[in-house]
C-alpha cells in the first residue's frame, strides 16, 4: 500500500492573507523595502527552506537588471487606464489575464 502524503502549500492564500499583510491585495512595493522585516514563510516566490530554488539569487539579480535597463531606456505606459482591477489566472504561478505592457522610447 502507498503510505505517502502529498503536502501542498497554498502560496496564493498565504501571500494574500490579512493575518500576515496589511491590505494584501493592494500593490505596495514598499512592504519589501530593506528596512521592513518580512516574517519567514509569509512571502516565498521561490519556495523556502532547504529545498528552495537554487536559481533564486540569480533570478532576482536578473530581474533587477532587466527592470533597471527598461526603466533607463523606456517610459512604461498604461494601455488599460480604464481598468482598475485585473482578472487573474492561477495555475502553477499567478498572472494577470490578457494584460500587455506598452513601452515608449525615451
PDB file of N, CA and C in Angstrom:
ATOM      1  N   UNK A   1       0.834  -1.192   0.000  1.00  0.00           N
ATOM      2  CA  UNK A   1       0.000   0.000   0.000  1.00  0.00           C
ATOM      3  C   UNK A   1       0.876   1.253   0.000  1.00  0.00           C
ATOM      4  N   UNK A   2       0.315   2.344  -0.466  1.00  0.00           N
ATOM      5  CA  UNK A   2       1.040   3.607  -0.585  1.00  0.00           C
ATOM      6  C   UNK A   2       0.769   4.465   0.653  1.00  0.00           C
ATOM      7  N   UNK A   3       1.799   4.672   1.469  1.00  0.00           N
ATOM      8  CA  UNK A   3       1.641   5.453   2.701  1.00  0.00           C
ATOM      9  C   UNK A   3       2.160   6.879   2.568  1.00  0.00           C
ATOM     10  N   UNK A   4       2.411   7.316   1.360  1.00  0.00           N
ATOM     11  CA  UNK A   4       2.922   8.664   1.162  1.00  0.00           C
ATOM     12  C   UNK A   4       1.810   9.698   1.332  1.00  0.00           C
ATOM     13  N   UNK A   5       2.206  10.897   1.753  1.00  0.00           N
ATOM     14  CA  UNK A   5       1.270  12.008   1.904  1.00  0.00           C
ATOM     15  C   UNK A   5       1.767  13.166   1.059  1.00  0.00           C
ATOM     16  N   UNK A   6       0.894  13.731   0.289  1.00  0.00           N
ATOM     17  CA  UNK A   6       1.237  14.894  -0.519  1.00  0.00           C
ATOM     18  C   UNK A   6       0.855  16.143   0.273  1.00  0.00           C
ATOM     19  N   UNK A   7       1.808  17.048   0.426  1.00  0.00           N
ATOM     20  CA  UNK A   7       1.560  18.299   1.131  1.00  0.00           C
ATOM     21  C   UNK A   7       1.747  19.438   0.143  1.00  0.00           C
ATOM     22  N   UNK A   8       0.743  20.276   0.019  1.00  0.00           N
ATOM     23  CA  UNK A   8       0.830  21.418  -0.890  1.00  0.00           C
ATOM     24  C   UNK A   8       0.697  22.703  -0.074  1.00  0.00           C
ATOM     25  N   UNK A   9       1.565  23.652  -0.349  1.00  0.00           N
ATOM     26  CA  UNK A   9       1.493  24.943   0.324  1.00  0.00           C
ATOM     27  C   UNK A   9       0.606  25.883  -0.480  1.00  0.00           C
ATOM     28  N   UNK A  10      -0.401  26.453   0.151  1.00  0.00           N
ATOM     29  CA  UNK A  10      -1.279  27.381  -0.573  1.00  0.00           C
ATOM     30  C   UNK A  10      -0.625  28.764  -0.659  1.00  0.00           C
ATOM     31  N   UNK A  11       0.388  28.888  -1.518  1.00  0.00           N
ATOM     32  CA  UNK A  11       1.164  30.131  -1.581  1.00  0.00           C
ATOM     33  C   UNK A  11       0.286  31.346  -1.870  1.00  0.00           C
ATOM     34  N   UNK A  12      -0.652  31.193  -2.748  1.00  0.00           N
ATOM     35  CA  UNK A  12      -1.551  32.301  -3.094  1.00  0.00           C
ATOM     36  C   UNK A  12      -2.300  32.791  -1.855  1.00  0.00           C
ATOM     37  N   UNK A  13      -2.782  31.868  -1.046  1.00  0.00           N
ATOM     38  CA  UNK A  13      -3.532  32.242   0.154  1.00  0.00           C
ATOM     39  C   UNK A  13      -2.638  32.869   1.213  1.00  0.00           C
ATOM     40  N   UNK A  14      -1.472  32.299   1.427  1.00  0.00           N
ATOM     41  CA  UNK A  14      -0.551  32.830   2.441  1.00  0.00           C
ATOM     42  C   UNK A  14      -0.086  34.228   2.049  1.00  0.00           C
ATOM     43  N   UNK A  15       0.249  34.411   0.792  1.00  0.00           N
ATOM     44  CA  UNK A  15       0.779  35.693   0.342  1.00  0.00           C
ATOM     45  C   UNK A  15      -0.286  36.768   0.198  1.00  0.00           C
ATOM     46  N   UNK A  16      -1.555  36.395   0.355  1.00  0.00           N
ATOM     47  CA  UNK A  16      -2.646  37.372   0.333  1.00  0.00           C
ATOM     48  C   UNK A  16      -3.461  37.313   1.627  1.00  0.00           C
ATOM     49  N   UNK A  17      -2.828  36.889   2.690  1.00  0.00           N
ATOM     50  CA  UNK A  17      -3.514  36.756   3.977  1.00  0.00           C
ATOM     51  C   UNK A  17      -3.443  38.049   4.776  1.00  0.00           C
ATOM     52  N   UNK A  18      -4.602  38.516   5.264  1.00  0.00           N
ATOM     53  CA  UNK A  18      -4.626  39.715   6.107  1.00  0.00           C
ATOM     54  C   UNK A  18      -3.962  39.445   7.453  1.00  0.00           C
ATOM     55  N   UNK A  19      -3.805  38.188   7.803  1.00  0.00           N
ATOM     56  CA  UNK A  19      -3.103  37.828   9.035  1.00  0.00           C
ATOM     57  C   UNK A  19      -1.624  38.229   8.951  1.00  0.00           C
ATOM     58  N   UNK A  20      -1.063  38.196   7.746  1.00  0.00           N
ATOM     59  CA  UNK A  20       0.357  38.496   7.553  1.00  0.00           C
ATOM     60  C   UNK A  20       0.621  39.841   6.886  1.00  0.00           C
ATOM     61  N   UNK A  21      -0.339  40.349   6.108  1.00  0.00           N
ATOM     62  CA  UNK A  21      -0.108  41.554   5.309  1.00  0.00           C
ATOM     63  C   UNK A  21      -1.241  42.553   5.505  1.00  0.00           C
ATOM     64  N   UNK A  22      -0.887  43.802   5.706  1.00  0.00           N
ATOM     65  CA  UNK A  22      -1.892  44.862   5.736  1.00  0.00           C
ATOM     66  C   UNK A  22      -2.322  45.133   4.301  1.00  0.00           C
ATOM     67  N   UNK A  23      -3.606  45.137   4.051  1.00  0.00           N
ATOM     68  CA  UNK A  23      -4.159  45.384   2.714  1.00  0.00           C
ATOM     69  C   UNK A  23      -3.467  44.498   1.673  1.00  0.00           C
ATOM     70  N   UNK A  24      -3.611  43.172   1.783  1.00  0.00           N
ATOM     71  CA  UNK A  24      -2.833  42.234   0.972  1.00  0.00           C
ATOM     72  C   UNK A  24      -3.072  42.280  -0.531  1.00  0.00           C
ATOM     73  N   UNK A  25      -4.186  42.818  -0.983  1.00  0.00           N
ATOM     74  CA  UNK A  25      -4.453  42.840  -2.423  1.00  0.00           C
ATOM     75  C   UNK A  25      -4.056  44.166  -3.073  1.00  0.00           C
ATOM     76  N   UNK A  26      -3.508  45.080  -2.277  1.00  0.00           N
ATOM     77  CA  UNK A  26      -3.041  46.366  -2.783  1.00  0.00           C
ATOM     78  C   UNK A  26      -1.566  46.253  -3.154  1.00  0.00           C
ATOM     79  N   UNK A  27      -1.196  46.714  -4.344  1.00  0.00           N
ATOM     80  CA  UNK A  27       0.194  46.666  -4.777  1.00  0.00           C
ATOM     81  C   UNK A  27       0.987  47.706  -3.997  1.00  0.00           C
ATOM     82  N   UNK A  28       1.886  47.251  -3.150  1.00  0.00           N
ATOM     83  CA  UNK A  28       2.686  48.143  -2.321  1.00  0.00           C
ATOM     84  C   UNK A  28       4.127  47.641  -2.273  1.00  0.00           C
ATOM     85  N   UNK A  29       4.961  48.070  -3.207  1.00  0.00           N
ATOM     86  CA  UNK A  29       6.351  47.592  -3.227  1.00  0.00           C
ATOM     87  C   UNK A  29       7.144  48.005  -1.998  1.00  0.00           C
ATOM     88  N   UNK A  30       6.692  49.031  -1.268  1.00  0.00           N
ATOM     89  CA  UNK A  30       7.402  49.478  -0.068  1.00  0.00           C
ATOM     90  C   UNK A  30       7.418  48.406   1.021  1.00  0.00           C
ATOM     91  N   UNK A  31       6.477  47.472   0.983  1.00  0.00           N
ATOM     92  CA  UNK A  31       6.493  46.425   2.017  1.00  0.00           C
ATOM     93  C   UNK A  31       7.709  45.518   1.877  1.00  0.00           C
ATOM     94  N   UNK A  32       8.397  45.592   0.744  1.00  0.00           N
ATOM     95  CA  UNK A  32       9.603  44.784   0.537  1.00  0.00           C
ATOM     96  C   UNK A  32      10.882  45.616   0.649  1.00  0.00           C
ATOM     97  N   UNK A  33      10.771  46.852   1.137  1.00  0.00           N
ATOM     98  CA  UNK A  33      11.955  47.700   1.329  1.00  0.00           C
ATOM     99  C   UNK A  33      12.886  47.046   2.345  1.00  0.00           C
ATOM    100  N   UNK A  34      14.186  47.288   2.218  1.00  0.00           N
ATOM    101  CA  UNK A  34      15.160  46.644   3.114  1.00  0.00           C
ATOM    102  C   UNK A  34      14.896  46.864   4.604  1.00  0.00           C
ATOM    103  N   UNK A  35      14.314  48.006   4.976  1.00  0.00           N
ATOM    104  CA  UNK A  35      14.076  48.276   6.397  1.00  0.00           C
ATOM    105  C   UNK A  35      12.802  47.615   6.934  1.00  0.00           C
ATOM    106  N   UNK A  36      11.979  47.037   6.066  1.00  0.00           N
ATOM    107  CA  UNK A  36      10.768  46.330   6.507  1.00  0.00           C
ATOM    108  C   UNK A  36      11.058  44.846   6.655  1.00  0.00           C
ATOM    109  N   UNK A  37      10.821  44.332   7.847  1.00  0.00           N
ATOM    110  CA  UNK A  37      11.089  42.913   8.096  1.00  0.00           C
ATOM    111  C   UNK A  37       9.886  42.084   7.648  1.00  0.00           C
ATOM    112  N   UNK A  38      10.151  41.075   6.857  1.00  0.00           N
ATOM    113  CA  UNK A  38       9.105  40.154   6.405  1.00  0.00           C
ATOM    114  C   UNK A  38       9.242  38.868   7.208  1.00  0.00           C
ATOM    115  N   UNK A  39       8.167  38.448   7.807  1.00  0.00           N
ATOM    116  CA  UNK A  39       8.195  37.214   8.587  1.00  0.00           C
ATOM    117  C   UNK A  39       8.510  36.035   7.673  1.00  0.00           C
ATOM    118  N   UNK A  40       9.341  35.105   8.141  1.00  0.00           N
ATOM    119  CA  UNK A  40       9.663  33.922   7.320  1.00  0.00           C
ATOM    120  C   UNK A  40       8.403  33.150   6.916  1.00  0.00           C
ATOM    121  N   UNK A  41       8.409  32.647   5.706  1.00  0.00           N
ATOM    122  CA  UNK A  41       7.350  31.808   5.148  1.00  0.00           C
ATOM    123  C   UNK A  41       6.023  32.537   4.951  1.00  0.00           C
ATOM    124  N   UNK A  42       6.045  33.882   4.880  1.00  0.00           N
ATOM    125  CA  UNK A  42       4.838  34.620   4.527  1.00  0.00           C
ATOM    126  C   UNK A  42       4.912  35.133   3.096  1.00  0.00           C
ATOM    127  N   UNK A  43       6.106  35.158   2.533  1.00  0.00           N
ATOM    128  CA  UNK A  43       6.299  35.500   1.118  1.00  0.00           C
ATOM    129  C   UNK A  43       7.403  34.598   0.598  1.00  0.00           C
ATOM    130  N   UNK A  44       7.064  33.719  -0.314  1.00  0.00           N
ATOM    131  CA  UNK A  44       8.065  32.762  -0.798  1.00  0.00           C
ATOM    132  C   UNK A  44       7.877  32.490  -2.289  1.00  0.00           C
ATOM    133  N   UNK A  45       8.298  33.452  -3.131  1.00  0.00           N
ATOM    134  CA  UNK A  45       8.134  33.268  -4.572  1.00  0.00           C
ATOM    135  C   UNK A  45       8.999  32.143  -5.143  1.00  0.00           C
ATOM    136  N   UNK A  46      10.042  31.748  -4.422  1.00  0.00           N
ATOM    137  CA  UNK A  46      10.924  30.668  -4.875  1.00  0.00           C
ATOM    138  C   UNK A  46      10.864  29.494  -3.907  1.00  0.00           C
ATOM    139  N   UNK A  47       9.780  29.355  -3.191  1.00  0.00           N
ATOM    140  CA  UNK A  47       9.590  28.426  -2.082  1.00  0.00           C
ATOM    141  C   UNK A  47      10.537  28.803  -0.957  1.00  0.00           C
ATOM    142  N   UNK A  48      10.706  27.939   0.010  1.00  0.00           N
ATOM    143  CA  UNK A  48      11.517  28.288   1.175  1.00  0.00           C
ATOM    144  C   UNK A  48      12.096  27.033   1.788  1.00  0.00           C
ATOM    145  N   UNK A  49      13.006  27.232   2.686  1.00  0.00           N
ATOM    146  CA  UNK A  49      13.604  26.108   3.385  1.00  0.00           C
ATOM    147  C   UNK A  49      14.729  25.465   2.602  1.00  0.00           C
ATOM    148  N   UNK A  50      15.131  24.274   2.989  1.00  0.00           N
ATOM    149  CA  UNK A  50      16.297  23.642   2.379  1.00  0.00           C
ATOM    150  C   UNK A  50      16.108  23.244   0.916  1.00  0.00           C
ATOM    151  N   UNK A  51      14.881  23.175   0.434  1.00  0.00           N
ATOM    152  CA  UNK A  51      14.652  22.766  -0.944  1.00  0.00           C
ATOM    153  C   UNK A  51      14.217  23.925  -1.831  1.00  0.00           C
ATOM    154  N   UNK A  52      14.591  25.128  -1.438  1.00  0.00           N
ATOM    155  CA  UNK A  52      14.201  26.286  -2.242  1.00  0.00           C
ATOM    156  C   UNK A  52      14.943  26.312  -3.575  1.00  0.00           C
ATOM    157  N   UNK A  53      14.471  27.110  -4.472  1.00  0.00           N
ATOM    158  CA  UNK A  53      15.027  27.203  -5.820  1.00  0.00           C
ATOM    159  C   UNK A  53      16.502  27.587  -5.780  1.00  0.00           C
ATOM    160  N   UNK A  54      17.348  26.791  -6.423  1.00  0.00           N
ATOM    161  CA  UNK A  54      18.781  27.087  -6.413  1.00  0.00           C
ATOM    162  C   UNK A  54      19.116  28.300  -7.288  1.00  0.00           C
ATOM    163  N   UNK A  55      18.210  28.695  -8.162  1.00  0.00           N
ATOM    164  CA  UNK A  55      18.450  29.850  -9.016  1.00  0.00           C
ATOM    165  C   UNK A  55      17.845  31.134  -8.479  1.00  0.00           C
ATOM    166  N   UNK A  56      17.392  31.119  -7.219  1.00  0.00           N
ATOM    167  CA  UNK A  56      16.699  32.263  -6.627  1.00  0.00           C
ATOM    168  C   UNK A  56      17.509  33.557  -6.737  1.00  0.00           C
ATOM    169  N   UNK A  57      18.750  33.553  -6.283  1.00  0.00           N
ATOM    170  CA  UNK A  57      19.545  34.782  -6.271  1.00  0.00           C
ATOM    171  C   UNK A  57      19.863  35.251  -7.692  1.00  0.00           C
ATOM    172  N   UNK A  58      20.149  34.316  -8.577  1.00  0.00           N
ATOM    173  CA  UNK A  58      20.400  34.676  -9.973  1.00  0.00           C
ATOM    174  C   UNK A  58      19.142  35.279 -10.597  1.00  0.00           C
ATOM    175  N   UNK A  59      17.983  34.677 -10.367  1.00  0.00           N
ATOM    176  CA  UNK A  59      16.730  35.170 -10.939  1.00  0.00           C
ATOM    177  C   UNK A  59      16.397  36.564 -10.426  1.00  0.00           C
ATOM    178  N   UNK A  60      16.617  36.813  -9.140  1.00  0.00           N
ATOM    179  CA  UNK A  60      16.340  38.140  -8.587  1.00  0.00           C
ATOM    180  C   UNK A  60      17.284  39.188  -9.179  1.00  0.00           C
ATOM    181  N   UNK A  61      18.564  38.851  -9.307  1.00  0.00           N
ATOM    182  CA  UNK A  61      19.526  39.786  -9.896  1.00  0.00           C
ATOM    183  C   UNK A  61      19.186  40.054 -11.362  1.00  0.00           C
ATOM    184  N   UNK A  62      18.821  39.009 -12.084  1.00  0.00           N
ATOM    185  CA  UNK A  62      18.451  39.161 -13.492  1.00  0.00           C
ATOM    186  C   UNK A  62      17.219  40.051 -13.627  1.00  0.00           C
ATOM    187  N   UNK A  63      16.229  39.859 -12.765  1.00  0.00           N
ATOM    188  CA  UNK A  63      15.017  40.679 -12.811  1.00  0.00           C
ATOM    189  C   UNK A  63      15.332  42.142 -12.502  1.00  0.00           C
ATOM    190  N   UNK A  64      16.178  42.380 -11.508  1.00  0.00           N
ATOM    191  CA  UNK A  64      16.550  43.761 -11.159  1.00  0.00           C
ATOM    192  C   UNK A  64      17.286  44.441 -12.315  1.00  0.00           C
ATOM    193  N   UNK A  65      18.198  43.724 -12.948  1.00  0.00           N
ATOM    194  CA  UNK A  65      18.935  44.298 -14.079  1.00  0.00           C
ATOM    195  C   UNK A  65      18.001  44.607 -15.249  1.00  0.00           C
ATOM    196  N   UNK A  66      17.070  43.697 -15.523  1.00  0.00           N
ATOM    197  CA  UNK A  66      16.123  43.912 -16.604  1.00  0.00           C
ATOM    198  C   UNK A  66      15.245  45.128 -16.329  1.00  0.00           C
ATOM    199  N   UNK A  67      14.720  45.220 -15.128  1.00  0.00           N
ATOM    200  CA  UNK A  67      13.852  46.354 -14.776  1.00  0.00           C
ATOM    201  C   UNK A  67      14.632  47.662 -14.835  1.00  0.00           C
ATOM    202  N   UNK A  68      15.867  47.670 -14.316  1.00  0.00           N
ATOM    203  CA  UNK A  68      16.686  48.887 -14.350  1.00  0.00           C
ATOM    204  C   UNK A  68      16.979  49.304 -15.791  1.00  0.00           C
ATOM    205  N   UNK A  69      17.283  48.340 -16.644  1.00  0.00           N
ATOM    206  CA  UNK A  69      17.565  48.643 -18.050  1.00  0.00           C
ATOM    207  C   UNK A  69      16.331  49.202 -18.747  1.00  0.00           C
ATOM    208  N   UNK A  70      15.189  48.582 -18.536  1.00  0.00           N
ATOM    209  CA  UNK A  70      13.948  49.070 -19.139  1.00  0.00           C
ATOM    210  C   UNK A  70      13.606  50.464 -18.623  1.00  0.00           C
ATOM    211  N   UNK A  71      13.807  50.686 -17.327  1.00  0.00           N
ATOM    212  CA  UNK A  71      13.496  51.977 -16.715  1.00  0.00           C
ATOM    213  C   UNK A  71      14.359  53.098 -17.307  1.00  0.00           C
ATOM    214  N   UNK A  72      15.617  52.791 -17.597  1.00  0.00           N
ATOM    215  CA  UNK A  72      16.525  53.798 -18.146  1.00  0.00           C
ATOM    216  C   UNK A  72      16.203  54.129 -19.598  1.00  0.00           C
ATOM    217  N   UNK A  73      15.683  53.180 -20.352  1.00  0.00           N
ATOM    218  CA  UNK A  73      15.524  53.372 -21.794  1.00  0.00           C
ATOM    219  C   UNK A  73      14.093  53.625 -22.264  1.00  0.00           C
ATOM    220  N   UNK A  74      13.113  53.303 -21.409  1.00  0.00           N
ATOM    221  CA  UNK A  74      11.726  53.395 -21.849  1.00  0.00           C
ATOM    222  C   UNK A  74      10.845  54.043 -20.796  1.00  0.00           C
ATOM    223  N   UNK A  75       9.702  54.541 -21.262  1.00  0.00           N
ATOM    224  CA  UNK A  75       8.645  55.001 -20.374  1.00  0.00           C
ATOM    225  C   UNK A  75       7.563  53.927 -20.406  1.00  0.00           C
ATOM    226  N   UNK A  76       7.109  53.509 -19.252  1.00  0.00           N
ATOM    227  CA  UNK A  76       6.069  52.482 -19.165  1.00  0.00           C
ATOM    228  C   UNK A  76       4.709  53.162 -19.285  1.00  0.00           C
ATOM    229  N   UNK A  77       3.936  52.766 -20.267  1.00  0.00           N
ATOM    230  CA  UNK A  77       2.613  53.340 -20.493  1.00  0.00           C
ATOM    231  C   UNK A  77       1.547  52.360 -20.027  1.00  0.00           C
ATOM    232  N   UNK A  78       0.439  52.896 -19.557  1.00  0.00           N
ATOM    233  CA  UNK A  78      -0.680  52.057 -19.122  1.00  0.00           C
ATOM    234  C   UNK A  78      -1.656  51.902 -20.288  1.00  0.00           C
ATOM    235  N   UNK A  79      -1.667  50.731 -20.930  1.00  0.00           N
ATOM    236  CA  UNK A  79      -2.568  50.557 -22.076  1.00  0.00           C
ATOM    237  C   UNK A  79      -4.030  50.337 -21.660  1.00  0.00           C
ATOM    238  N   UNK A  80      -4.289  50.218 -20.359  1.00  0.00           N
ATOM    239  CA  UNK A  80      -5.650  49.967 -19.866  1.00  0.00           C
ATOM    240  C   UNK A  80      -6.005  50.955 -18.749  1.00  0.00           C
ATOM    241  N   UNK A  81      -6.002  52.262 -19.002  1.00  0.00           N
ATOM    242  CA  UNK A  81      -6.268  53.213 -17.911  1.00  0.00           C
ATOM    243  C   UNK A  81      -7.673  53.095 -17.322  1.00  0.00           C
ATOM    244  N   UNK A  82      -8.591  52.522 -18.079  1.00  0.00           N
ATOM    245  CA  UNK A  82      -9.970  52.404 -17.591  1.00  0.00           C
ATOM    246  C   UNK A  82     -10.184  51.189 -16.690  1.00  0.00           C
ATOM    247  N   UNK A  83      -9.228  50.274 -16.648  1.00  0.00           N
ATOM    248  CA  UNK A  83      -9.374  49.063 -15.836  1.00  0.00           C
ATOM    249  C   UNK A  83      -8.709  49.276 -14.482  1.00  0.00           C
ATOM    250  N   UNK A  84      -9.507  49.150 -13.415  1.00  0.00           N
ATOM    251  CA  UNK A  84      -8.960  49.346 -12.077  1.00  0.00           C
ATOM    252  C   UNK A  84      -8.502  48.041 -11.439  1.00  0.00           C
ATOM    253  N   UNK A  85      -9.167  46.950 -11.765  1.00  0.00           N
ATOM    254  CA  UNK A  85      -8.802  45.669 -11.179  1.00  0.00           C
ATOM    255  C   UNK A  85      -8.650  44.638 -12.289  1.00  0.00           C
ATOM    256  N   UNK A  86      -7.531  43.938 -12.286  1.00  0.00           N
ATOM    257  CA  UNK A  86      -7.250  42.958 -13.321  1.00  0.00           C
ATOM    258  C   UNK A  86      -7.751  41.582 -12.925  1.00  0.00           C
ATOM    259  N   UNK A  87      -8.186  40.823 -13.905  1.00  0.00           N
ATOM    260  CA  UNK A  87      -8.563  39.434 -13.666  1.00  0.00           C
ATOM    261  C   UNK A  87      -7.289  38.598 -13.622  1.00  0.00           C
ATOM    262  N   UNK A  88      -7.279  37.604 -12.769  1.00  0.00           N
ATOM    263  CA  UNK A  88      -6.076  36.818 -12.558  1.00  0.00           C
ATOM    264  C   UNK A  88      -6.299  35.371 -12.991  1.00  0.00           C
ATOM    265  N   UNK A  89      -5.250  34.777 -13.545  1.00  0.00           N
ATOM    266  CA  UNK A  89      -5.238  33.359 -13.884  1.00  0.00           C
ATOM    267  C   UNK A  89      -4.306  32.679 -12.892  1.00  0.00           C
ATOM    268  N   UNK A  90      -4.788  31.649 -12.205  1.00  0.00           N
ATOM    269  CA  UNK A  90      -3.943  30.933 -11.251  1.00  0.00           C
ATOM    270  C   UNK A  90      -3.689  29.539 -11.790  1.00  0.00           C
ATOM    271  N   UNK A  91      -2.435  29.274 -12.077  1.00  0.00           N
ATOM    272  CA  UNK A  91      -2.006  27.925 -12.463  1.00  0.00           C
ATOM    273  C   UNK A  91      -0.898  27.572 -11.486  1.00  0.00           C
ATOM    274  N   UNK A  92       0.217  27.097 -11.960  1.00  0.00           N
ATOM    275  CA  UNK A  92       1.339  26.873 -11.056  1.00  0.00           C
ATOM    276  C   UNK A  92       1.838  28.209 -10.515  1.00  0.00           C
ATOM    277  N   UNK A  93       1.744  29.233 -11.333  1.00  0.00           N
ATOM    278  CA  UNK A  93       2.043  30.603 -10.906  1.00  0.00           C
ATOM    279  C   UNK A  93       0.828  31.461 -11.228  1.00  0.00           C
ATOM    280  N   UNK A  94       0.760  32.634 -10.656  1.00  0.00           N
ATOM    281  CA  UNK A  94      -0.347  33.548 -10.927  1.00  0.00           C
ATOM    282  C   UNK A  94       0.108  34.616 -11.912  1.00  0.00           C
ATOM    283  N   UNK A  95      -0.816  35.035 -12.753  1.00  0.00           N
ATOM    284  CA  UNK A  95      -0.509  36.108 -13.685  1.00  0.00           C
ATOM    285  C   UNK A  95      -1.805  36.781 -14.091  1.00  0.00           C
ATOM    286  N   UNK A  96      -1.732  38.042 -14.526  1.00  0.00           N
ATOM    287  CA  UNK A  96      -2.950  38.705 -14.984  1.00  0.00           C
ATOM    288  C   UNK A  96      -3.424  38.117 -16.303  1.00  0.00           C
ATOM    289  N   UNK A  97      -4.725  38.108 -16.483  1.00  0.00           N
ATOM    290  CA  UNK A  97      -5.307  37.552 -17.715  1.00  0.00           C
ATOM    291  C   UNK A  97      -5.359  38.634 -18.792  1.00  0.00           C
ATOM    292  N   UNK A  98      -4.836  38.308 -19.972  1.00  0.00           N
ATOM    293  CA  UNK A  98      -4.910  39.191 -21.150  1.00  0.00           C
ATOM    294  C   UNK A  98      -4.406  40.614 -20.868  1.00  0.00           C
ATOM    295  N   UNK A  99      -3.258  40.730 -20.240  1.00  0.00           N
ATOM    296  CA  UNK A  99      -2.694  42.047 -19.957  1.00  0.00           C
ATOM    297  C   UNK A  99      -1.359  42.163 -20.662  1.00  0.00           C
ATOM    298  N   UNK A 100      -1.173  43.278 -21.314  1.00  0.00           N
ATOM    299  CA  UNK A 100       0.066  43.543 -22.031  1.00  0.00           C
ATOM    300  C   UNK A 100       0.600  44.881 -21.548  1.00  0.00           C
ATOM    301  N   UNK A 101       1.869  45.097 -21.698  1.00  0.00           N
ATOM    302  CA  UNK A 101       2.511  46.329 -21.286  1.00  0.00           C
ATOM    303  C   UNK A 101       2.962  47.068 -22.522  1.00  0.00           C
ATOM    304  N   UNK A 102       2.866  48.381 -22.482  1.00  0.00           N
ATOM    305  CA  UNK A 102       3.277  49.189 -23.619  1.00  0.00           C
ATOM    306  C   UNK A 102       4.450  50.084 -23.191  1.00  0.00           C
ATOM    307  N   UNK A 103       5.502  50.099 -24.003  1.00  0.00           N
ATOM    308  CA  UNK A 103       6.681  50.912 -23.724  1.00  0.00           C
ATOM    309  C   UNK A 103       6.828  51.989 -24.789  1.00  0.00           C
ATOM    310  N   UNK A 104       7.313  53.153 -24.386  1.00  0.00           N
ATOM    311  CA  UNK A 104       7.636  54.225 -25.321  1.00  0.00           C
ATOM    312  C   UNK A 104       9.107  54.579 -25.134  1.00  0.00           C
ATOM    313  N   UNK A 105       9.834  54.761 -26.215  1.00  0.00           N
ATOM    314  CA  UNK A 105      11.246  55.123 -26.139  1.00  0.00           C
ATOM    315  C   UNK A 105      11.399  56.519 -25.549  1.00  0.00           C
ATOM    316  N   UNK A 106      12.346  56.669 -24.649  1.00  0.00           N
ATOM    317  CA  UNK A 106      12.605  57.985 -24.052  1.00  0.00           C
ATOM    318  C   UNK A 106      13.398  58.852 -24.986  1.00  0.00           C
TER     319      UNK A 106
END
